[in-house]
PDB file of N, CA and C in Angstrom:
ATOM      1  N   MET A   1     -20.186 -90.221   8.005  1.00  0.00           N
ATOM      2  CA  MET A   1     -20.291 -91.613   8.392  1.00  0.00           C
ATOM      3  C   MET A   1     -19.306 -92.461   7.594  1.00  0.00           C
ATOM      4  N   ALA A   2     -19.017 -93.628   8.112  1.00  0.00           N
ATOM      5  CA  ALA A   2     -18.088 -94.547   7.467  1.00  0.00           C
ATOM      6  C   ALA A   2     -18.792 -95.338   6.370  1.00  0.00           C
ATOM      7  N   ASN A   3     -18.000 -95.824   5.446  1.00  0.00           N
ATOM      8  CA  ASN A   3     -18.519 -96.684   4.392  1.00  0.00           C
ATOM      9  C   ASN A   3     -18.115 -98.117   4.658  1.00  0.00           C
ATOM     10  N   LEU A   4     -18.952 -99.053   4.231  1.00  0.00           N
ATOM     11  CA  LEU A   4     -18.681-100.473   4.385  1.00  0.00           C
ATOM     12  C   LEU A   4     -18.624-101.122   3.016  1.00  0.00           C
ATOM     13  N   ARG A   5     -17.633-101.990   2.814  1.00  0.00           N
ATOM     14  CA  ARG A   5     -17.564-102.797   1.592  1.00  0.00           C
ATOM     15  C   ARG A   5     -18.159-104.156   1.938  1.00  0.00           C
ATOM     16  N   ILE A   6     -19.214-104.530   1.216  1.00  0.00           N
ATOM     17  CA  ILE A   6     -19.942-105.771   1.472  1.00  0.00           C
ATOM     18  C   ILE A   6     -19.728-106.680   0.273  1.00  0.00           C
ATOM     19  N   THR A   7     -19.250-107.910   0.518  1.00  0.00           N
ATOM     20  CA  THR A   7     -18.952-108.859  -0.545  1.00  0.00           C
ATOM     21  C   THR A   7     -19.756-110.127  -0.330  1.00  0.00           C
ATOM     22  N   LEU A   8     -20.411-110.589  -1.380  1.00  0.00           N
ATOM     23  CA  LEU A   8     -21.160-111.845  -1.330  1.00  0.00           C
ATOM     24  C   LEU A   8     -20.174-112.989  -1.507  1.00  0.00           C
ATOM     25  N   THR A   9     -19.989-113.814  -0.474  1.00  0.00           N
ATOM     26  CA  THR A   9     -18.988-114.876  -0.507  1.00  0.00           C
ATOM     27  C   THR A   9     -19.596-116.268  -0.627  1.00  0.00           C
ATOM     28  N   LYS A  10     -20.905-116.374  -0.467  1.00  0.00           N
ATOM     29  CA  LYS A  10     -21.549-117.683  -0.528  1.00  0.00           C
ATOM     30  C   LYS A  10     -22.876-117.524  -1.259  1.00  0.00           C
ATOM     31  N   SER A  11     -23.241-118.536  -2.037  1.00  0.00           N
ATOM     32  CA  SER A  11     -24.465-118.480  -2.822  1.00  0.00           C
ATOM     33  C   SER A  11     -25.701-118.504  -1.927  1.00  0.00           C
ATOM     34  N   SER A  12     -26.773-117.887  -2.425  1.00  0.00           N
ATOM     35  CA  SER A  12     -28.029-117.871  -1.670  1.00  0.00           C
ATOM     36  C   SER A  12     -28.916-119.067  -2.007  1.00  0.00           C
ATOM     37  N   ILE A  13     -28.435-119.963  -2.862  1.00  0.00           N
ATOM     38  CA  ILE A  13     -29.216-121.155  -3.223  1.00  0.00           C
ATOM     39  C   ILE A  13     -29.456-121.989  -1.975  1.00  0.00           C
ATOM     40  N   GLY A  14     -30.712-122.347  -1.744  1.00  0.00           N
ATOM     41  CA  GLY A  14     -31.057-123.179  -0.604  1.00  0.00           C
ATOM     42  C   GLY A  14     -31.437-122.404   0.642  1.00  0.00           C
ATOM     43  N   TYR A  15     -31.367-121.076   0.574  1.00  0.00           N
ATOM     44  CA  TYR A  15     -31.724-120.247   1.717  1.00  0.00           C
ATOM     45  C   TYR A  15     -33.109-119.648   1.517  1.00  0.00           C
ATOM     46  N   ALA A  16     -33.685-119.160   2.587  1.00  0.00           N
ATOM     47  CA  ALA A  16     -35.054-118.651   2.574  1.00  0.00           C
ATOM     48  C   ALA A  16     -35.197-117.456   1.631  1.00  0.00           C
ATOM     49  N   ASP A  17     -36.404-117.267   1.143  1.00  0.00           N
ATOM     50  CA  ASP A  17     -36.703-116.204   0.191  1.00  0.00           C
ATOM     51  C   ASP A  17     -36.463-114.815   0.777  1.00  0.00           C
ATOM     52  N   ASP A  18     -36.718-114.640   2.076  1.00  0.00           N
ATOM     53  CA  ASP A  18     -36.485-113.323   2.679  1.00  0.00           C
ATOM     54  C   ASP A  18     -34.999-112.982   2.687  1.00  0.00           C
ATOM     55  N   GLN A  19     -34.128-113.990   2.796  1.00  0.00           N
ATOM     56  CA  GLN A  19     -32.693-113.740   2.749  1.00  0.00           C
ATOM     57  C   GLN A  19     -32.263-113.377   1.330  1.00  0.00           C
ATOM     58  N   ARG A  20     -32.864-113.998   0.332  1.00  0.00           N
ATOM     59  CA  ARG A  20     -32.568-113.652  -1.059  1.00  0.00           C
ATOM     60  C   ARG A  20     -32.995-112.220  -1.358  1.00  0.00           C
ATOM     61  N   ARG A  21     -34.153-111.824  -0.851  1.00  0.00           N
ATOM     62  CA  ARG A  21     -34.622-110.452  -1.055  1.00  0.00           C
ATOM     63  C   ARG A  21     -33.724-109.445  -0.340  1.00  0.00           C
ATOM     64  N   THR A  22     -33.183-109.817   0.801  1.00  0.00           N
ATOM     65  CA  THR A  22     -32.260-108.932   1.520  1.00  0.00           C
ATOM     66  C   THR A  22     -30.991-108.720   0.699  1.00  0.00           C
ATOM     67  N   LEU A  23     -30.466-109.783   0.096  1.00  0.00           N
ATOM     68  CA  LEU A  23     -29.286-109.645  -0.756  1.00  0.00           C
ATOM     69  C   LEU A  23     -29.578-108.742  -1.956  1.00  0.00           C
ATOM     70  N   LYS A  24     -30.762-108.879  -2.528  1.00  0.00           N
ATOM     71  CA  LYS A  24     -31.145-108.031  -3.654  1.00  0.00           C
ATOM     72  C   LYS A  24     -31.239-106.572  -3.225  1.00  0.00           C
ATOM     73  N   ALA A  25     -31.777-106.332  -2.029  1.00  0.00           N
ATOM     74  CA  ALA A  25     -31.883-104.966  -1.514  1.00  0.00           C
ATOM     75  C   ALA A  25     -30.503-104.363  -1.246  1.00  0.00           C
ATOM     76  N   LEU A  26     -29.538-105.198  -0.893  1.00  0.00           N
ATOM     77  CA  LEU A  26     -28.171-104.729  -0.700  1.00  0.00           C
ATOM     78  C   LEU A  26     -27.475-104.445  -2.034  1.00  0.00           C
ATOM     79  N   GLY A  27     -28.046-104.952  -3.126  1.00  0.00           N
ATOM     80  CA  GLY A  27     -27.457-104.739  -4.441  1.00  0.00           C
ATOM     81  C   GLY A  27     -26.514-105.844  -4.859  1.00  0.00           C
ATOM     82  N   LEU A  28     -26.610-106.998  -4.204  1.00  0.00           N
ATOM     83  CA  LEU A  28     -25.714-108.120  -4.501  1.00  0.00           C
ATOM     84  C   LEU A  28     -26.441-109.158  -5.342  1.00  0.00           C
ATOM     85  N   ARG A  29     -25.856-109.490  -6.500  1.00  0.00           N
ATOM     86  CA  ARG A  29     -26.472-110.470  -7.393  1.00  0.00           C
ATOM     87  C   ARG A  29     -25.552-111.642  -7.689  1.00  0.00           C
ATOM     88  N   ARG A  30     -24.262-111.388  -7.839  1.00  0.00           N
ATOM     89  CA  ARG A  30     -23.322-112.431  -8.237  1.00  0.00           C
ATOM     90  C   ARG A  30     -22.341-112.747  -7.118  1.00  0.00           C
ATOM     91  N   LEU A  31     -21.850-113.966  -7.132  1.00  0.00           N
ATOM     92  CA  LEU A  31     -20.857-114.407  -6.168  1.00  0.00           C
ATOM     93  C   LEU A  31     -19.595-113.553  -6.307  1.00  0.00           C
ATOM     94  N   ASN A  32     -19.015-113.175  -5.206  1.00  0.00           N
ATOM     95  CA  ASN A  32     -17.816-112.335  -5.112  1.00  0.00           C
ATOM     96  C   ASN A  32     -18.036-110.907  -5.597  1.00  0.00           C
ATOM     97  N   GLN A  33     -19.276-110.492  -5.753  1.00  0.00           N
ATOM     98  CA  GLN A  33     -19.579-109.104  -6.106  1.00  0.00           C
ATOM     99  C   GLN A  33     -19.494-108.261  -4.833  1.00  0.00           C
ATOM    100  N   SER A  34     -18.940-107.070  -4.947  1.00  0.00           N
ATOM    101  CA  SER A  34     -18.817-106.155  -3.816  1.00  0.00           C
ATOM    102  C   SER A  34     -19.583-104.869  -4.091  1.00  0.00           C
ATOM    103  N   VAL A  35     -20.148-104.317  -3.027  1.00  0.00           N
ATOM    104  CA  VAL A  35     -20.789-103.012  -3.091  1.00  0.00           C
ATOM    105  C   VAL A  35     -20.288-102.192  -1.910  1.00  0.00           C
ATOM    106  N   VAL A  36     -20.276-100.888  -2.070  1.00  0.00           N
ATOM    107  CA  VAL A  36     -19.899 -99.983  -0.988  1.00  0.00           C
ATOM    108  C   VAL A  36     -21.136 -99.208  -0.590  1.00  0.00           C
ATOM    109  N   ARG A  37     -21.486 -99.270   0.684  1.00  0.00           N
ATOM    110  CA  ARG A  37     -22.675 -98.596   1.197  1.00  0.00           C
ATOM    111  C   ARG A  37     -22.298 -97.779   2.428  1.00  0.00           C
ATOM    112  N   GLU A  38     -23.040 -96.707   2.636  1.00  0.00           N
ATOM    113  CA  GLU A  38     -22.841 -95.881   3.820  1.00  0.00           C
ATOM    114  C   GLU A  38     -23.413 -96.602   5.038  1.00  0.00           C
ATOM    115  N   ASP A  39     -22.674 -96.617   6.112  1.00  0.00           N
ATOM    116  CA  ASP A  39     -23.064 -97.325   7.333  1.00  0.00           C
ATOM    117  C   ASP A  39     -24.285 -96.658   7.966  1.00  0.00           C
ATOM    118  N   SER A  40     -25.291 -97.479   8.303  1.00  0.00           N
ATOM    119  CA  SER A  40     -26.477 -96.999   8.997  1.00  0.00           C
ATOM    120  C   SER A  40     -27.062 -98.162   9.785  1.00  0.00           C
ATOM    121  N   SER A  41     -27.996 -97.863  10.655  1.00  0.00           N
ATOM    122  CA  SER A  41     -28.578 -98.925  11.473  1.00  0.00           C
ATOM    123  C   SER A  41     -29.423 -99.885  10.633  1.00  0.00           C
ATOM    124  N   SER A  42     -30.110 -99.386   9.610  1.00  0.00           N
ATOM    125  CA  SER A  42     -30.906-100.271   8.756  1.00  0.00           C
ATOM    126  C   SER A  42     -30.003-101.178   7.927  1.00  0.00           C
ATOM    127  N   LEU A  43     -28.877-100.653   7.465  1.00  0.00           N
ATOM    128  CA  LEU A  43     -27.921-101.474   6.730  1.00  0.00           C
ATOM    129  C   LEU A  43     -27.341-102.551   7.638  1.00  0.00           C
ATOM    130  N   ARG A  44     -27.011-102.191   8.868  1.00  0.00           N
ATOM    131  CA  ARG A  44     -26.485-103.175   9.822  1.00  0.00           C
ATOM    132  C   ARG A  44     -27.484-104.305  10.066  1.00  0.00           C
ATOM    133  N   GLY A  45     -28.773-103.970  10.120  1.00  0.00           N
ATOM    134  CA  GLY A  45     -29.804-104.988  10.312  1.00  0.00           C
ATOM    135  C   GLY A  45     -29.854-105.960   9.146  1.00  0.00           C
ATOM    136  N   MET A  46     -29.730-105.440   7.920  1.00  0.00           N
ATOM    137  CA  MET A  46     -29.717-106.314   6.744  1.00  0.00           C
ATOM    138  C   MET A  46     -28.476-107.202   6.737  1.00  0.00           C
ATOM    139  N   ILE A  47     -27.336-106.631   7.129  1.00  0.00           N
ATOM    140  CA  ILE A  47     -26.094-107.403   7.166  1.00  0.00           C
ATOM    141  C   ILE A  47     -26.208-108.535   8.187  1.00  0.00           C
ATOM    142  N   ILE A  48     -26.770-108.245   9.345  1.00  0.00           N
ATOM    143  CA  ILE A  48     -26.922-109.270  10.379  1.00  0.00           C
ATOM    144  C   ILE A  48     -27.807-110.418   9.893  1.00  0.00           C
ATOM    145  N   LYS A  49     -28.842-110.091   9.124  1.00  0.00           N
ATOM    146  CA  LYS A  49     -29.780-111.114   8.636  1.00  0.00           C
ATOM    147  C   LYS A  49     -29.096-112.128   7.718  1.00  0.00           C
ATOM    148  N   VAL A  50     -28.130-111.692   6.934  1.00  0.00           N
ATOM    149  CA  VAL A  50     -27.462-112.592   5.977  1.00  0.00           C
ATOM    150  C   VAL A  50     -25.953-112.646   6.218  1.00  0.00           C
ATOM    151  N   ARG A  51     -25.524-112.492   7.454  1.00  0.00           N
ATOM    152  CA  ARG A  51     -24.097-112.419   7.762  1.00  0.00           C
ATOM    153  C   ARG A  51     -23.336-113.690   7.412  1.00  0.00           C
ATOM    154  N   HIS A  52     -24.015-114.831   7.339  1.00  0.00           N
ATOM    155  CA  HIS A  52     -23.366-116.093   6.998  1.00  0.00           C
ATOM    156  C   HIS A  52     -23.038-116.180   5.502  1.00  0.00           C
ATOM    157  N   LEU A  53     -23.513-115.229   4.698  1.00  0.00           N
ATOM    158  CA  LEU A  53     -23.259-115.224   3.259  1.00  0.00           C
ATOM    159  C   LEU A  53     -22.308-114.112   2.833  1.00  0.00           C
ATOM    160  N   LEU A  54     -21.923-113.241   3.762  1.00  0.00           N
ATOM    161  CA  LEU A  54     -21.202-112.021   3.432  1.00  0.00           C
ATOM    162  C   LEU A  54     -19.849-111.933   4.103  1.00  0.00           C
ATOM    163  N   LYS A  55     -19.016-111.050   3.532  1.00  0.00           N
ATOM    164  CA  LYS A  55     -17.809-110.567   4.196  1.00  0.00           C
ATOM    165  C   LYS A  55     -17.940-109.050   4.229  1.00  0.00           C
ATOM    166  N   VAL A  56     -17.781-108.443   5.395  1.00  0.00           N
ATOM    167  CA  VAL A  56     -17.954-107.013   5.559  1.00  0.00           C
ATOM    168  C   VAL A  56     -16.657-106.413   6.072  1.00  0.00           C
ATOM    169  N   GLU A  57     -16.217-105.315   5.447  1.00  0.00           N
ATOM    170  CA  GLU A  57     -15.001-104.632   5.879  1.00  0.00           C
ATOM    171  C   GLU A  57     -15.181-103.136   5.670  1.00  0.00           C
ATOM    172  N   ALA A  58     -14.382-102.372   6.351  1.00  0.00           N
ATOM    173  CA  ALA A  58     -14.419-100.922   6.207  1.00  0.00           C
ATOM    174  C   ALA A  58     -13.838-100.554   4.846  1.00  0.00           C
ATOM    175  N   ALA A  59     -14.500 -99.655   4.148  1.00  0.00           N
ATOM    176  CA  ALA A  59     -14.047 -99.214   2.824  1.00  0.00           C
ATOM    177  C   ALA A  59     -13.213 -97.953   2.985  1.00  0.00           C
ATOM    178  N   GLY A  60     -12.025 -97.976   2.450  1.00  0.00           N
ATOM    179  CA  GLY A  60     -11.157 -96.805   2.492  1.00  0.00           C
ATOM    180  C   GLY A  60     -11.645 -95.744   1.542  1.00  0.00           C
ATOM    181  N   GLN A  61     -11.453 -94.487   1.911  1.00  0.00           N
ATOM    182  CA  GLN A  61     -11.907 -93.403   1.041  1.00  0.00           C
ATOM    183  C   GLN A  61     -10.767 -92.750   0.342  1.00  0.00           C
TER     184      GLN A  61
END
């Protein structure tokens, strides 16, 4: 499967608690922090929930 690089580009201040918990589950804590995760349907669902706070791109191997 492909890997995705997920970067937090906007603060979660002022957003709902479930969106903050989704960011924590993705492993994102600080602004401009990036994580690489394996692409899956559950990951895509989390990304869609907070897509207004993220930048998502394919991670090169």
